[in-house]
Amino acid sequence: MSDIAHLAAELFRRAAGRDRFIVGIAGPPASGKSTLAERLRALLGEAAALVPMDGFHLDNAVLSARQLLARKGAPETFDFDGFEATLKRLRAPGADVVVPLFDRAADLARAGAGIVPASARFVIVEGNYLLLDEEPWTRLAGLFDRTVYLDVPRGELAHRLVQRWIDHGLSEQAARERAFSNDMVNVQRVEDRRRTADTVIEARIR
């Protein structure tokens, strides 16, 4: 049985008798969080919904005004308060919860683009900073019923991040500059400043 199948089975056991069970999947940029979350949702079936933290990116205009555009993707470039408030709403089933989703092609978050139905027993939340041991992110600690951390070698993360920017149309040099000036800084922050997860997956997901 794969790591993901084991995880799904464990979540079913731990969620027994619960109307709502929140799973947090954390890890550095390019560690495979989205891939794991999608596969886990497929295994959990129609009772599962997915909420990516990327939907809470601040708009580029706001980041420019705050002189943070070059650091997009860092903890300071997210709407933490909105994210926390949404997680608190998701804690209690009984009503649909509208969530924003990030449009990578347009490079912006779209408000009201997703809905977590009241019928969702499992809510899978994925994002870089769910386990970040810094204020205000430590306030998320009590909002997850189970946490998972993806541990991927730093060299592999660097390769993936450079390739990601090349896939977005940048030259190899520009892609390396982008990855190492910002993305790898965020990788180190996630790795060095994280709380302990309930489950650590040390596997290459994709």
C-alpha atoms as a PDB file:
ATOM      1  CA  MET A   1       0.000   0.000   0.000  1.00  0.00           C
ATOM      2  CA  SER A   2       1.343   3.468  -0.910  1.00  0.00           C
ATOM      3  CA  ASP A   3       2.026   6.274   1.572  1.00  0.00           C
ATOM      4  CA  ILE A   4      -1.058   8.082   0.282  1.00  0.00           C
ATOM      5  CA  ALA A   5      -3.288   5.007   0.645  1.00  0.00           C
ATOM      6  CA  HIS A   6      -1.981   4.488   4.205  1.00  0.00           C
ATOM      7  CA  LEU A   7      -2.713   8.141   4.960  1.00  0.00           C
ATOM      8  CA  ALA A   8      -6.257   7.910   3.576  1.00  0.00           C
ATOM      9  CA  ALA A   9      -6.942   4.796   5.655  1.00  0.00           C
ATOM     10  CA  GLU A  10      -5.619   6.510   8.783  1.00  0.00           C
ATOM     11  CA  LEU A  11      -7.800   9.561   8.167  1.00  0.00           C
ATOM     12  CA  PHE A  12     -10.898   7.400   7.790  1.00  0.00           C
ATOM     13  CA  ARG A  13     -10.123   5.774  11.151  1.00  0.00           C
ATOM     14  CA  ARG A  14      -9.451   9.041  12.945  1.00  0.00           C
ATOM     15  CA  ALA A  15     -12.530  10.735  11.489  1.00  0.00           C
ATOM     16  CA  ALA A  16     -14.890   8.018  12.703  1.00  0.00           C
ATOM     17  CA  GLY A  17     -17.952   9.625  14.258  1.00  0.00           C
ATOM     18  CA  ARG A  18     -16.916  13.128  13.145  1.00  0.00           C
ATOM     19  CA  ASP A  19     -19.018  15.371  10.896  1.00  0.00           C
ATOM     20  CA  ARG A  20     -15.997  17.419   9.781  1.00  0.00           C
ATOM     21  CA  PHE A  21     -12.285  16.542   9.770  1.00  0.00           C
ATOM     22  CA  ILE A  22      -9.675  19.098   8.646  1.00  0.00           C
ATOM     23  CA  VAL A  23      -6.391  17.867   7.171  1.00  0.00           C
ATOM     24  CA  GLY A  24      -3.468  20.255   6.684  1.00  0.00           C
ATOM     25  CA  ILE A  25      -0.828  19.377   4.077  1.00  0.00           C
ATOM     26  CA  ALA A  26       2.295  21.529   4.364  1.00  0.00           C
ATOM     27  CA  GLY A  27       5.684  21.620   2.709  1.00  0.00           C
ATOM     28  CA  PRO A  28       8.110  23.861   0.835  1.00  0.00           C
ATOM     29  CA  PRO A  29       7.327  25.308  -2.586  1.00  0.00           C
ATOM     30  CA  ALA A  30       7.350  22.603  -5.297  1.00  0.00           C
ATOM     31  CA  SER A  31       7.302  19.739  -2.766  1.00  0.00           C
ATOM     32  CA  GLY A  32       4.183  18.207  -4.334  1.00  0.00           C
ATOM     33  CA  LYS A  33       1.479  19.431  -1.961  1.00  0.00           C
ATOM     34  CA  SER A  34      -1.124  19.973  -4.680  1.00  0.00           C
ATOM     35  CA  THR A  35      -0.443  16.564  -6.196  1.00  0.00           C
ATOM     36  CA  LEU A  36      -0.727  14.827  -2.837  1.00  0.00           C
ATOM     37  CA  ALA A  37      -3.885  16.754  -1.955  1.00  0.00           C
ATOM     38  CA  GLU A  38      -5.578  15.831  -5.234  1.00  0.00           C
ATOM     39  CA  ARG A  39      -4.667  12.160  -4.895  1.00  0.00           C
ATOM     40  CA  LEU A  40      -5.828  12.104  -1.300  1.00  0.00           C
ATOM     41  CA  ARG A  41      -9.106  13.733  -2.240  1.00  0.00           C
ATOM     42  CA  ALA A  42      -9.632  11.072  -4.903  1.00  0.00           C
ATOM     43  CA  LEU A  43      -9.084   8.311  -2.339  1.00  0.00           C
ATOM     44  CA  LEU A  44     -11.399   9.914   0.215  1.00  0.00           C
ATOM     45  CA  GLY A  45     -14.108  10.227  -2.424  1.00  0.00           C
ATOM     46  CA  GLU A  46     -17.059  12.575  -2.715  1.00  0.00           C
ATOM     47  CA  ALA A  47     -16.932  13.337   1.013  1.00  0.00           C
ATOM     48  CA  ALA A  48     -13.708  15.353   0.554  1.00  0.00           C
ATOM     49  CA  ALA A  49     -13.146  18.966  -0.508  1.00  0.00           C
ATOM     50  CA  LEU A  50      -9.908  20.798  -1.243  1.00  0.00           C
ATOM     51  CA  VAL A  51      -8.877  24.309  -0.130  1.00  0.00           C
ATOM     52  CA  PRO A  52      -5.495  25.561  -1.445  1.00  0.00           C
ATOM     53  CA  MET A  53      -3.894  28.341   0.589  1.00  0.00           C
ATOM     54  CA  ASP A  54      -2.777  29.970  -2.680  1.00  0.00           C
ATOM     55  CA  GLY A  55      -6.285  31.403  -3.044  1.00  0.00           C
ATOM     56  CA  PHE A  56      -5.330  33.840  -0.283  1.00  0.00           C
ATOM     57  CA  HIS A  57      -2.483  35.481  -2.202  1.00  0.00           C
ATOM     58  CA  LEU A  58      -2.654  39.260  -1.948  1.00  0.00           C
ATOM     59  CA  ASP A  59      -3.239  40.968  -5.286  1.00  0.00           C
ATOM     60  CA  ASN A  60      -0.173  42.158  -7.205  1.00  0.00           C
ATOM     61  CA  ALA A  61      -1.322  45.765  -6.890  1.00  0.00           C
ATOM     62  CA  VAL A  62      -1.407  45.427  -3.107  1.00  0.00           C
ATOM     63  CA  LEU A  63       1.997  43.757  -3.085  1.00  0.00           C
ATOM     64  CA  SER A  64       3.440  46.523  -5.247  1.00  0.00           C
ATOM     65  CA  ALA A  65       2.065  49.181  -2.892  1.00  0.00           C
ATOM     66  CA  ARG A  66       3.663  47.361   0.038  1.00  0.00           C
ATOM     67  CA  GLN A  67       6.924  46.820  -1.892  1.00  0.00           C
ATOM     68  CA  LEU A  68       6.490  43.063  -1.600  1.00  0.00           C
ATOM     69  CA  LEU A  69       5.920  42.034  -5.217  1.00  0.00           C
ATOM     70  CA  ALA A  70       9.435  40.613  -5.573  1.00  0.00           C
ATOM     71  CA  ARG A  71       8.744  38.452  -2.500  1.00  0.00           C
ATOM     72  CA  LYS A  72       5.434  37.049  -3.755  1.00  0.00           C
ATOM     73  CA  GLY A  73       4.920  33.670  -2.143  1.00  0.00           C
ATOM     74  CA  ALA A  74       6.521  34.655   1.166  1.00  0.00           C
ATOM     75  CA  PRO A  75       4.308  34.469   4.287  1.00  0.00           C
ATOM     76  CA  GLU A  76       3.863  38.261   4.310  1.00  0.00           C
ATOM     77  CA  THR A  77       2.256  38.179   0.860  1.00  0.00           C
ATOM     78  CA  PHE A  78      -0.857  36.251   1.937  1.00  0.00           C
ATOM     79  CA  ASP A  79      -4.109  37.401   3.512  1.00  0.00           C
ATOM     80  CA  PHE A  80      -3.519  35.536   6.759  1.00  0.00           C
ATOM     81  CA  ASP A  81      -6.551  36.954   8.573  1.00  0.00           C
ATOM     82  CA  GLY A  82      -8.862  35.942   5.733  1.00  0.00           C
ATOM     83  CA  PHE A  83      -7.317  32.481   5.635  1.00  0.00           C
ATOM     84  CA  GLU A  84      -7.653  32.000   9.383  1.00  0.00           C
ATOM     85  CA  ALA A  85     -11.263  33.188   9.347  1.00  0.00           C
ATOM     86  CA  THR A  86     -12.102  30.760   6.543  1.00  0.00           C
ATOM     87  CA  LEU A  87     -10.533  27.850   8.417  1.00  0.00           C
ATOM     88  CA  LYS A  88     -12.609  28.691  11.478  1.00  0.00           C
ATOM     89  CA  ARG A  89     -15.754  28.679   9.350  1.00  0.00           C
ATOM     90  CA  LEU A  90     -14.740  25.319   7.905  1.00  0.00           C
ATOM     91  CA  ARG A  91     -14.342  23.840  11.383  1.00  0.00           C
ATOM     92  CA  ALA A  92     -18.114  23.694  11.814  1.00  0.00           C
ATOM     93  CA  PRO A  93     -20.153  21.906   9.145  1.00  0.00           C
ATOM     94  CA  GLY A  94     -23.718  22.950   8.449  1.00  0.00           C
ATOM     95  CA  ALA A  95     -23.363  25.476   5.655  1.00  0.00           C
ATOM     96  CA  ASP A  96     -21.542  25.839   2.373  1.00  0.00           C
ATOM     97  CA  VAL A  97     -18.342  27.901   2.640  1.00  0.00           C
ATOM     98  CA  VAL A  98     -17.204  29.999  -0.324  1.00  0.00           C
ATOM     99  CA  VAL A  99     -13.420  30.130  -0.835  1.00  0.00           C
ATOM    100  CA  PRO A 100     -11.082  31.975  -3.228  1.00  0.00           C
ATOM    101  CA  LEU A 101      -8.933  30.069  -5.695  1.00  0.00           C
ATOM    102  CA  PHE A 102      -5.661  31.084  -7.329  1.00  0.00           C
ATOM    103  CA  ASP A 103      -5.611  31.404 -11.117  1.00  0.00           C
ATOM    104  CA  ARG A 104      -2.014  30.635 -12.092  1.00  0.00           C
ATOM    105  CA  ALA A 105      -2.481  31.653 -15.717  1.00  0.00           C
ATOM    106  CA  ALA A 106      -3.753  35.085 -14.678  1.00  0.00           C
ATOM    107  CA  ASP A 107      -1.456  35.231 -11.618  1.00  0.00           C
ATOM    108  CA  LEU A 108      -4.229  36.346  -9.284  1.00  0.00           C
ATOM    109  CA  ALA A 109      -6.704  35.036  -6.738  1.00  0.00           C
ATOM    110  CA  ARG A 110     -10.351  34.850  -7.786  1.00  0.00           C
ATOM    111  CA  ALA A 111     -12.813  35.579  -4.993  1.00  0.00           C
ATOM    112  CA  GLY A 112     -15.717  33.171  -4.613  1.00  0.00           C
ATOM    113  CA  ALA A 113     -14.263  30.726  -7.141  1.00  0.00           C
ATOM    114  CA  GLY A 114     -14.757  27.610  -5.023  1.00  0.00           C
ATOM    115  CA  ILE A 115     -17.295  26.160  -2.612  1.00  0.00           C
ATOM    116  CA  VAL A 116     -16.793  23.670   0.195  1.00  0.00           C
ATOM    117  CA  PRO A 117     -20.216  22.049   0.527  1.00  0.00           C
ATOM    118  CA  ALA A 118     -21.784  21.502   3.909  1.00  0.00           C
ATOM    119  CA  SER A 119     -21.790  17.781   3.104  1.00  0.00           C
ATOM    120  CA  ALA A 120     -17.973  17.597   2.935  1.00  0.00           C
ATOM    121  CA  ARG A 121     -16.766  15.386   5.759  1.00  0.00           C
ATOM    122  CA  PHE A 122     -13.085  15.884   4.969  1.00  0.00           C
ATOM    123  CA  VAL A 123     -11.537  19.252   4.106  1.00  0.00           C
ATOM    124  CA  ILE A 124      -7.992  19.036   2.769  1.00  0.00           C
ATOM    125  CA  VAL A 125      -6.083  22.312   3.144  1.00  0.00           C
ATOM    126  CA  GLU A 126      -2.702  22.610   1.445  1.00  0.00           C
ATOM    127  CA  GLY A 127      -0.118  25.369   1.650  1.00  0.00           C
ATOM    128  CA  ASN A 128       3.504  26.226   2.354  1.00  0.00           C
ATOM    129  CA  TYR A 129       3.045  27.814   5.755  1.00  0.00           C
ATOM    130  CA  LEU A 130       0.458  25.744   7.588  1.00  0.00           C
ATOM    131  CA  LEU A 131       3.123  24.603  10.074  1.00  0.00           C
ATOM    132  CA  LEU A 132       5.192  27.791  10.162  1.00  0.00           C
ATOM    133  CA  ASP A 133       6.399  28.471  13.697  1.00  0.00           C
ATOM    134  CA  GLU A 134       6.090  32.255  13.388  1.00  0.00           C
ATOM    135  CA  GLU A 135       3.379  34.681  14.404  1.00  0.00           C
ATOM    136  CA  PRO A 136       0.618  34.917  13.300  1.00  0.00           C
ATOM    137  CA  TRP A 137       0.877  31.500  11.599  1.00  0.00           C
ATOM    138  CA  THR A 138       1.169  29.673  14.928  1.00  0.00           C
ATOM    139  CA  ARG A 139      -2.521  30.509  15.445  1.00  0.00           C
ATOM    140  CA  LEU A 140      -3.359  27.832  12.863  1.00  0.00           C
ATOM    141  CA  ALA A 141      -2.115  25.045  15.142  1.00  0.00           C
ATOM    142  CA  GLY A 142      -5.504  24.276  16.656  1.00  0.00           C
ATOM    143  CA  LEU A 143      -7.441  24.424  13.403  1.00  0.00           C
ATOM    144  CA  PHE A 144      -6.272  21.112  11.919  1.00  0.00           C
ATOM    145  CA  ASP A 145      -7.259  17.637  13.076  1.00  0.00           C
ATOM    146  CA  ARG A 146      -4.277  16.056  11.331  1.00  0.00           C
ATOM    147  CA  THR A 147      -1.189  17.555   9.696  1.00  0.00           C
ATOM    148  CA  VAL A 148       1.097  16.170   7.006  1.00  0.00           C
ATOM    149  CA  TYR A 149       4.507  17.474   5.954  1.00  0.00           C
ATOM    150  CA  LEU A 150       6.195  16.673   2.641  1.00  0.00           C
ATOM    151  CA  ASP A 151       9.959  16.366   3.028  1.00  0.00           C
ATOM    152  CA  VAL A 152      11.765  16.627  -0.320  1.00  0.00           C
ATOM    153  CA  PRO A 153      15.561  17.068  -0.764  1.00  0.00           C
ATOM    154  CA  ARG A 154      16.488  20.713  -1.285  1.00  0.00           C
ATOM    155  CA  GLY A 155      18.346  19.989  -4.520  1.00  0.00           C
ATOM    156  CA  GLU A 156      15.237  18.407  -6.002  1.00  0.00           C
ATOM    157  CA  LEU A 157      13.148  21.408  -4.934  1.00  0.00           C
ATOM    158  CA  ALA A 158      15.599  23.772  -6.634  1.00  0.00           C
ATOM    159  CA  HIS A 159      15.392  21.748  -9.849  1.00  0.00           C
ATOM    160  CA  ARG A 160      11.591  21.783  -9.799  1.00  0.00           C
ATOM    161  CA  LEU A 161      11.404  25.507  -9.074  1.00  0.00           C
ATOM    162  CA  VAL A 162      13.754  26.438 -11.902  1.00  0.00           C
ATOM    163  CA  GLN A 163      11.812  24.192 -14.282  1.00  0.00           C
ATOM    164  CA  ARG A 164       8.541  25.761 -13.135  1.00  0.00           C
ATOM    165  CA  TRP A 165       9.739  29.218 -14.235  1.00  0.00           C
ATOM    166  CA  ILE A 166      11.083  27.845 -17.506  1.00  0.00           C
ATOM    167  CA  ASP A 167       7.639  26.351 -18.119  1.00  0.00           C
ATOM    168  CA  HIS A 168       6.227  29.852 -17.553  1.00  0.00           C
ATOM    169  CA  GLY A 169       8.359  31.137 -20.412  1.00  0.00           C
ATOM    170  CA  LEU A 170      11.492  32.433 -18.689  1.00  0.00           C
ATOM    171  CA  SER A 171      14.978  31.721 -19.969  1.00  0.00           C
ATOM    172  CA  GLU A 172      17.055  29.292 -17.931  1.00  0.00           C
ATOM    173  CA  GLN A 173      19.131  32.133 -16.477  1.00  0.00           C
ATOM    174  CA  ALA A 174      16.070  34.202 -15.586  1.00  0.00           C
ATOM    175  CA  ALA A 175      14.394  31.119 -14.129  1.00  0.00           C
ATOM    176  CA  ARG A 176      17.397  30.397 -11.911  1.00  0.00           C
ATOM    177  CA  GLU A 177      17.527  34.007 -10.730  1.00  0.00           C
ATOM    178  CA  ARG A 178      13.827  33.961  -9.906  1.00  0.00           C
ATOM    179  CA  ALA A 179      14.005  30.629  -8.111  1.00  0.00           C
ATOM    180  CA  PHE A 180      17.083  31.391  -6.017  1.00  0.00           C
ATOM    181  CA  SER A 181      16.285  35.029  -5.201  1.00  0.00           C
ATOM    182  CA  ASN A 182      12.835  34.261  -3.778  1.00  0.00           C
ATOM    183  CA  ASP A 183      11.523  30.690  -3.980  1.00  0.00           C
ATOM    184  CA  MET A 184      14.516  29.017  -2.355  1.00  0.00           C
ATOM    185  CA  VAL A 185      14.481  31.662   0.376  1.00  0.00           C
ATOM    186  CA  ASN A 186      10.929  30.543   1.129  1.00  0.00           C
ATOM    187  CA  VAL A 187      12.004  26.891   0.992  1.00  0.00           C
ATOM    188  CA  GLN A 188      14.591  27.512   3.697  1.00  0.00           C
ATOM    189  CA  ARG A 189      12.092  29.401   5.834  1.00  0.00           C
ATOM    190  CA  VAL A 190       9.588  26.562   5.648  1.00  0.00           C
ATOM    191  CA  GLU A 191      12.203  23.927   6.443  1.00  0.00           C
ATOM    192  CA  ASP A 192      13.920  25.821   9.260  1.00  0.00           C
ATOM    193  CA  ARG A 193      10.822  27.262  10.949  1.00  0.00           C
ATOM    194  CA  ARG A 194       8.226  24.512  11.010  1.00  0.00           C
ATOM    195  CA  ARG A 195       6.310  22.882  13.791  1.00  0.00           C
ATOM    196  CA  THR A 196       6.178  19.099  14.042  1.00  0.00           C
ATOM    197  CA  ALA A 197       3.657  17.396  11.762  1.00  0.00           C
ATOM    198  CA  ASP A 198       1.612  14.342  12.705  1.00  0.00           C
ATOM    199  CA  THR A 199       2.807  12.580   9.557  1.00  0.00           C
ATOM    200  CA  VAL A 200       5.957  13.176   7.511  1.00  0.00           C
ATOM    201  CA  ILE A 201       6.135  11.779   3.996  1.00  0.00           C
ATOM    202  CA  GLU A 202       9.698  11.480   2.779  1.00  0.00           C
ATOM    203  CA  ALA A 203       8.873  10.460  -0.720  1.00  0.00           C
ATOM    204  CA  ARG A 204       8.910  11.864  -4.192  1.00  0.00           C
ATOM    205  CA  ILE A 205       5.248  12.398  -4.972  1.00  0.00           C
ATOM    206  CA  ARG A 206       5.616  13.254  -8.654  1.00  0.00           C
END
